Amino acid sequence: MHDALANRYNNFESYKDRKSFYLSRRWRRFRHEVLRRDHYECVECNKHGRLTTDLKLHNNRRGLEVDHIIELEKRPDLAYDMNNLQTLCVNCHNKKHNRFQKSEKKFKDEKW
């Protein structure tokens, strides 16, 4: 059943298609179910003995995100598959997708 609905969004390669998917009412409801299943905690942090919840917000940003384990672009038929979704904190999600950059010191000399 969910495969037919996922096929409505069969081309996730463009930003516009992904954005419309993530803004859909159905995804927002489904996202909430995944968060509830994972007890509103980052599953990757839990593996390492840390606890990261939505209560730890930085700069008024949402603390948790729902991640497709196998990306939408590769397997659009798994868009609503609970086994392909996990709750991650922003930091773990960025690490998974190599989105963060190392901060380099502006000056290499000593601070005086």
N, C-alpha and C. Protein backbone atom coordinates (compact mmCIF):
# COMPACT_ATOMS: atom_id res chain seq x y z
N MET A 1 0.81 -1.19 0.00
CA MET A 1 0.00 0.00 0.00
C MET A 1 0.86 1.26 0.00
N HIS A 2 1.86 1.31 0.90
CA HIS A 2 2.68 2.51 0.96
C HIS A 2 3.57 2.66 -0.26
N ASP A 3 3.84 1.55 -0.98
CA ASP A 3 4.65 1.65 -2.19
C ASP A 3 3.96 2.50 -3.25
N ALA A 4 2.65 2.35 -3.38
CA ALA A 4 1.91 3.14 -4.37
C ALA A 4 1.94 4.61 -4.01
N LEU A 5 1.82 4.91 -2.73
CA LEU A 5 1.87 6.31 -2.31
C LEU A 5 3.26 6.89 -2.47
N ALA A 6 4.28 6.09 -2.19
CA ALA A 6 5.64 6.57 -2.37
C ALA A 6 5.95 6.84 -3.83
N ASN A 7 5.31 6.10 -4.73
CA ASN A 7 5.56 6.32 -6.15
C ASN A 7 5.05 7.67 -6.64
N ARG A 8 4.16 8.30 -5.86
CA ARG A 8 3.76 9.67 -6.21
C ARG A 8 4.98 10.58 -6.25
N TYR A 9 5.98 10.23 -5.46
CA TYR A 9 7.20 11.02 -5.36
C TYR A 9 8.36 10.20 -5.91
N ASN A 10 8.20 9.64 -7.08
CA ASN A 10 9.17 8.68 -7.59
C ASN A 10 10.49 9.30 -8.00
N ASN A 11 10.58 10.61 -8.10
CA ASN A 11 11.82 11.24 -8.49
C ASN A 11 12.30 12.15 -7.36
N PHE A 12 13.11 11.61 -6.48
CA PHE A 12 13.62 12.39 -5.35
C PHE A 12 14.97 13.02 -5.65
N GLU A 13 15.37 13.00 -6.88
CA GLU A 13 16.69 13.53 -7.21
C GLU A 13 16.73 15.05 -7.16
N SER A 14 15.62 15.70 -7.42
CA SER A 14 15.64 17.16 -7.39
C SER A 14 15.27 17.67 -6.01
N TYR A 15 15.81 18.80 -5.67
CA TYR A 15 15.54 19.44 -4.39
C TYR A 15 14.05 19.74 -4.24
N LYS A 16 13.44 20.18 -5.30
CA LYS A 16 12.01 20.53 -5.28
C LYS A 16 11.14 19.32 -4.92
N ASP A 17 11.45 18.16 -5.48
CA ASP A 17 10.69 16.94 -5.19
C ASP A 17 10.88 16.51 -3.73
N ARG A 18 12.12 16.58 -3.25
CA ARG A 18 12.37 16.20 -1.86
C ARG A 18 11.68 17.17 -0.91
N LYS A 19 11.72 18.43 -1.23
CA LYS A 19 11.10 19.43 -0.36
C LYS A 19 9.59 19.22 -0.29
N SER A 20 8.95 18.96 -1.41
CA SER A 20 7.50 18.73 -1.39
C SER A 20 7.16 17.46 -0.61
N PHE A 21 8.01 16.45 -0.69
CA PHE A 21 7.80 15.23 0.09
C PHE A 21 7.88 15.53 1.59
N TYR A 22 8.95 16.21 2.01
CA TYR A 22 9.15 16.48 3.43
C TYR A 22 8.16 17.49 4.00
N LEU A 23 7.52 18.26 3.17
CA LEU A 23 6.51 19.21 3.64
C LEU A 23 5.10 18.62 3.61
N SER A 24 4.97 17.41 3.09
CA SER A 24 3.64 16.81 2.97
C SER A 24 3.06 16.46 4.35
N ARG A 25 1.77 16.51 4.44
CA ARG A 25 1.06 16.18 5.68
C ARG A 25 1.33 14.73 6.08
N ARG A 26 1.33 13.87 5.09
CA ARG A 26 1.55 12.44 5.39
C ARG A 26 2.93 12.23 6.00
N TRP A 27 3.98 12.86 5.46
CA TRP A 27 5.32 12.69 6.02
C TRP A 27 5.38 13.24 7.45
N ARG A 28 4.77 14.38 7.70
CA ARG A 28 4.82 14.95 9.05
C ARG A 28 4.18 14.01 10.06
N ARG A 29 3.07 13.38 9.71
CA ARG A 29 2.43 12.41 10.60
C ARG A 29 3.32 11.18 10.78
N PHE A 30 3.89 10.72 9.68
CA PHE A 30 4.75 9.54 9.73
C PHE A 30 6.01 9.82 10.56
N ARG A 31 6.58 11.01 10.38
CA ARG A 31 7.75 11.43 11.14
C ARG A 31 7.46 11.37 12.63
N HIS A 32 6.30 11.84 13.02
CA HIS A 32 5.92 11.84 14.43
C HIS A 32 5.84 10.40 14.97
N GLU A 33 5.35 9.48 14.16
CA GLU A 33 5.28 8.07 14.58
C GLU A 33 6.68 7.48 14.80
N VAL A 34 7.63 7.85 13.95
CA VAL A 34 9.00 7.35 14.10
C VAL A 34 9.61 7.92 15.37
N LEU A 35 9.42 9.21 15.61
CA LEU A 35 9.94 9.83 16.83
C LEU A 35 9.36 9.15 18.07
N ARG A 36 8.07 8.89 18.04
CA ARG A 36 7.43 8.24 19.17
C ARG A 36 7.99 6.82 19.36
N ARG A 37 8.15 6.09 18.26
CA ARG A 37 8.70 4.73 18.35
C ARG A 37 10.08 4.72 18.99
N ASP A 38 10.90 5.72 18.64
CA ASP A 38 12.28 5.81 19.15
C ASP A 38 12.35 6.59 20.47
N HIS A 39 11.20 6.85 21.09
CA HIS A 39 11.12 7.53 22.39
C HIS A 39 11.75 8.92 22.38
N TYR A 40 11.69 9.58 21.21
CA TYR A 40 12.21 10.95 21.06
C TYR A 40 13.68 11.03 21.47
N GLU A 41 14.45 10.01 21.10
CA GLU A 41 15.87 9.95 21.41
C GLU A 41 16.65 9.56 20.16
N CYS A 42 17.86 10.09 20.05
CA CYS A 42 18.74 9.75 18.94
C CYS A 42 19.23 8.32 19.10
N VAL A 43 18.96 7.47 18.11
CA VAL A 43 19.34 6.06 18.21
C VAL A 43 20.85 5.87 18.12
N GLU A 44 21.54 6.73 17.40
CA GLU A 44 23.00 6.62 17.27
C GLU A 44 23.67 7.01 18.59
N CYS A 45 23.21 8.08 19.21
CA CYS A 45 23.76 8.47 20.52
C CYS A 45 23.52 7.36 21.54
N ASN A 46 22.34 6.75 21.50
CA ASN A 46 22.03 5.66 22.43
C ASN A 46 23.01 4.50 22.28
N LYS A 47 23.45 4.23 21.06
CA LYS A 47 24.40 3.13 20.84
C LYS A 47 25.71 3.39 21.57
N HIS A 48 26.03 4.67 21.78
CA HIS A 48 27.29 5.06 22.42
C HIS A 48 27.09 5.50 23.87
N GLY A 49 25.92 5.20 24.43
CA GLY A 49 25.68 5.50 25.83
C GLY A 49 25.35 6.95 26.13
N ARG A 50 25.00 7.72 25.11
CA ARG A 50 24.63 9.12 25.31
C ARG A 50 23.12 9.25 25.16
N LEU A 51 22.58 10.31 25.73
CA LEU A 51 21.16 10.58 25.61
C LEU A 51 20.98 11.94 24.96
N THR A 52 20.40 11.96 23.78
CA THR A 52 20.11 13.21 23.08
C THR A 52 18.64 13.21 22.74
N THR A 53 17.93 14.20 23.25
CA THR A 53 16.49 14.31 23.02
C THR A 53 16.18 15.67 22.41
N ASP A 54 14.90 15.88 22.10
CA ASP A 54 14.47 17.17 21.57
C ASP A 54 14.55 18.27 22.62
N LEU A 55 14.75 17.89 23.87
CA LEU A 55 14.85 18.90 24.92
C LEU A 55 16.17 19.65 24.85
N LYS A 56 17.15 19.07 24.15
CA LYS A 56 18.44 19.72 23.98
C LYS A 56 18.44 20.51 22.67
N LEU A 57 17.86 21.66 22.69
CA LEU A 57 17.77 22.47 21.48
C LEU A 57 18.87 23.52 21.46
N HIS A 58 19.41 23.78 20.29
CA HIS A 58 20.45 24.78 20.13
C HIS A 58 19.96 25.82 19.12
N ASN A 59 20.04 27.06 19.50
CA ASN A 59 19.66 28.16 18.61
C ASN A 59 18.24 28.00 18.08
N ASN A 60 17.32 27.53 18.92
CA ASN A 60 15.92 27.35 18.56
C ASN A 60 15.72 26.39 17.40
N ARG A 61 16.67 25.50 17.17
CA ARG A 61 16.54 24.50 16.10
C ARG A 61 15.98 23.23 16.69
N ARG A 62 15.34 22.48 15.85
CA ARG A 62 14.84 21.18 16.26
C ARG A 62 16.04 20.29 16.58
N GLY A 63 15.97 19.56 17.66
CA GLY A 63 17.09 18.73 18.08
C GLY A 63 17.15 17.37 17.43
N LEU A 64 16.01 16.86 16.96
CA LEU A 64 15.97 15.52 16.36
C LEU A 64 15.42 15.55 14.95
N GLU A 65 15.92 14.65 14.13
CA GLU A 65 15.47 14.52 12.75
C GLU A 65 15.20 13.06 12.46
N VAL A 66 14.31 12.80 11.52
CA VAL A 66 14.04 11.42 11.09
C VAL A 66 14.81 11.19 9.80
N ASP A 67 15.64 10.16 9.83
CA ASP A 67 16.57 9.87 8.74
C ASP A 67 16.15 8.61 7.99
N HIS A 68 16.26 8.67 6.66
CA HIS A 68 16.10 7.47 5.84
C HIS A 68 17.44 6.75 5.82
N ILE A 69 17.47 5.54 6.34
CA ILE A 69 18.71 4.77 6.38
C ILE A 69 19.24 4.54 4.97
N ILE A 70 18.38 4.06 4.09
CA ILE A 70 18.70 4.00 2.66
C ILE A 70 18.03 5.21 2.03
N GLU A 71 18.81 6.06 1.41
CA GLU A 71 18.33 7.36 0.94
C GLU A 71 17.16 7.26 -0.03
N LEU A 72 16.33 8.30 0.00
CA LEU A 72 15.17 8.38 -0.89
C LEU A 72 15.54 8.26 -2.36
N GLU A 73 16.65 8.89 -2.73
CA GLU A 73 17.06 8.87 -4.12
C GLU A 73 17.35 7.46 -4.61
N LYS A 74 17.86 6.63 -3.69
CA LYS A 74 18.22 5.26 -4.07
C LYS A 74 17.03 4.31 -4.02
N ARG A 75 16.16 4.47 -3.01
CA ARG A 75 15.04 3.55 -2.84
C ARG A 75 13.77 4.32 -2.46
N PRO A 76 13.12 4.97 -3.43
CA PRO A 76 11.90 5.71 -3.12
C PRO A 76 10.77 4.82 -2.62
N ASP A 77 10.83 3.54 -2.91
CA ASP A 77 9.79 2.63 -2.43
C ASP A 77 9.86 2.42 -0.92
N LEU A 78 10.97 2.80 -0.29
CA LEU A 78 11.13 2.67 1.16
C LEU A 78 10.86 3.99 1.90
N ALA A 79 10.25 4.93 1.23
CA ALA A 79 10.02 6.26 1.81
C ALA A 79 9.25 6.19 3.12
N TYR A 80 8.28 5.29 3.21
CA TYR A 80 7.45 5.17 4.40
C TYR A 80 7.63 3.83 5.10
N ASP A 81 8.75 3.21 4.92
CA ASP A 81 9.02 1.93 5.57
C ASP A 81 9.65 2.20 6.94
N MET A 82 8.95 1.80 8.00
CA MET A 82 9.43 2.05 9.36
C MET A 82 10.80 1.43 9.62
N ASN A 83 11.12 0.33 8.94
CA ASN A 83 12.42 -0.31 9.12
C ASN A 83 13.54 0.46 8.44
N ASN A 84 13.19 1.42 7.61
CA ASN A 84 14.19 2.22 6.91
C ASN A 84 14.31 3.62 7.52
N LEU A 85 13.68 3.85 8.65
CA LEU A 85 13.69 5.17 9.27
C LEU A 85 14.26 5.08 10.68
N GLN A 86 15.00 6.13 11.06
CA GLN A 86 15.56 6.19 12.40
C GLN A 86 15.60 7.63 12.87
N THR A 87 15.54 7.81 14.16
CA THR A 87 15.64 9.14 14.75
C THR A 87 17.10 9.43 15.03
N LEU A 88 17.57 10.57 14.54
CA LEU A 88 18.94 11.01 14.78
C LEU A 88 18.95 12.45 15.26
N CYS A 89 19.91 12.79 16.11
CA CYS A 89 20.08 14.20 16.47
C CYS A 89 20.73 14.91 15.27
N VAL A 90 20.73 16.21 15.30
CA VAL A 90 21.28 16.99 14.20
C VAL A 90 22.74 16.64 13.97
N ASN A 91 23.52 16.50 15.05
CA ASN A 91 24.94 16.19 14.90
C ASN A 91 25.17 14.83 14.25
N CYS A 92 24.46 13.80 14.70
CA CYS A 92 24.64 12.46 14.12
C CYS A 92 24.16 12.43 12.67
N HIS A 93 23.08 13.15 12.38
CA HIS A 93 22.57 13.19 11.01
C HIS A 93 23.59 13.88 10.09
N ASN A 94 24.19 14.97 10.57
CA ASN A 94 25.21 15.66 9.77
C ASN A 94 26.44 14.78 9.56
N LYS A 95 26.85 14.05 10.59
CA LYS A 95 27.99 13.14 10.44
C LYS A 95 27.70 12.07 9.39
N LYS A 96 26.51 11.51 9.44
CA LYS A 96 26.15 10.46 8.49
C LYS A 96 26.26 10.94 7.05
N HIS A 97 25.88 12.18 6.81
CA HIS A 97 25.88 12.72 5.45
C HIS A 97 27.08 13.61 5.16
N ASN A 98 28.08 13.58 6.03
CA ASN A 98 29.30 14.38 5.87
C ASN A 98 28.98 15.85 5.61
N ARG A 99 28.06 16.39 6.38
CA ARG A 99 27.65 17.78 6.19
C ARG A 99 28.40 18.78 7.05
N PHE A 100 29.13 18.32 8.02
CA PHE A 100 29.81 19.28 8.88
C PHE A 100 31.23 19.48 8.38
N GLN A 101 31.78 20.63 8.71
CA GLN A 101 33.14 20.94 8.30
C GLN A 101 33.97 21.16 9.55
N LYS A 102 35.21 20.79 9.48
CA LYS A 102 36.10 21.06 10.60
C LYS A 102 36.34 22.56 10.67
N SER A 103 36.27 23.07 11.87
CA SER A 103 36.57 24.49 12.02
C SER A 103 38.07 24.65 12.18
N GLU A 104 38.63 25.51 11.39
CA GLU A 104 40.06 25.76 11.45
C GLU A 104 40.28 27.08 12.18
N LYS A 105 41.36 27.11 12.96
CA LYS A 105 41.67 28.34 13.64
C LYS A 105 42.09 29.37 12.61
N LYS A 106 41.64 30.59 12.84
CA LYS A 106 41.95 31.66 11.91
C LYS A 106 43.43 31.99 11.94
N PHE A 107 44.00 32.00 13.14
CA PHE A 107 45.42 32.31 13.31
C PHE A 107 46.09 31.14 14.00
N LYS A 108 47.24 30.76 13.54
CA LYS A 108 47.93 29.62 14.11
C LYS A 108 48.91 30.03 15.21
N ASP A 109 49.12 31.33 15.39
CA ASP A 109 50.05 31.75 16.43
C ASP A 109 49.36 31.78 17.79
N GLU A 110 50.12 32.00 18.83
CA GLU A 110 49.57 32.00 20.17
C GLU A 110 48.68 33.21 20.39
N LYS A 111 47.73 33.00 21.27
CA LYS A 111 46.85 34.11 21.62
C LYS A 111 47.51 34.88 22.74
N TRP A 112 47.61 36.22 22.62
CA TRP A 112 48.25 37.02 23.65
C TRP A 112 47.35 38.03 24.22
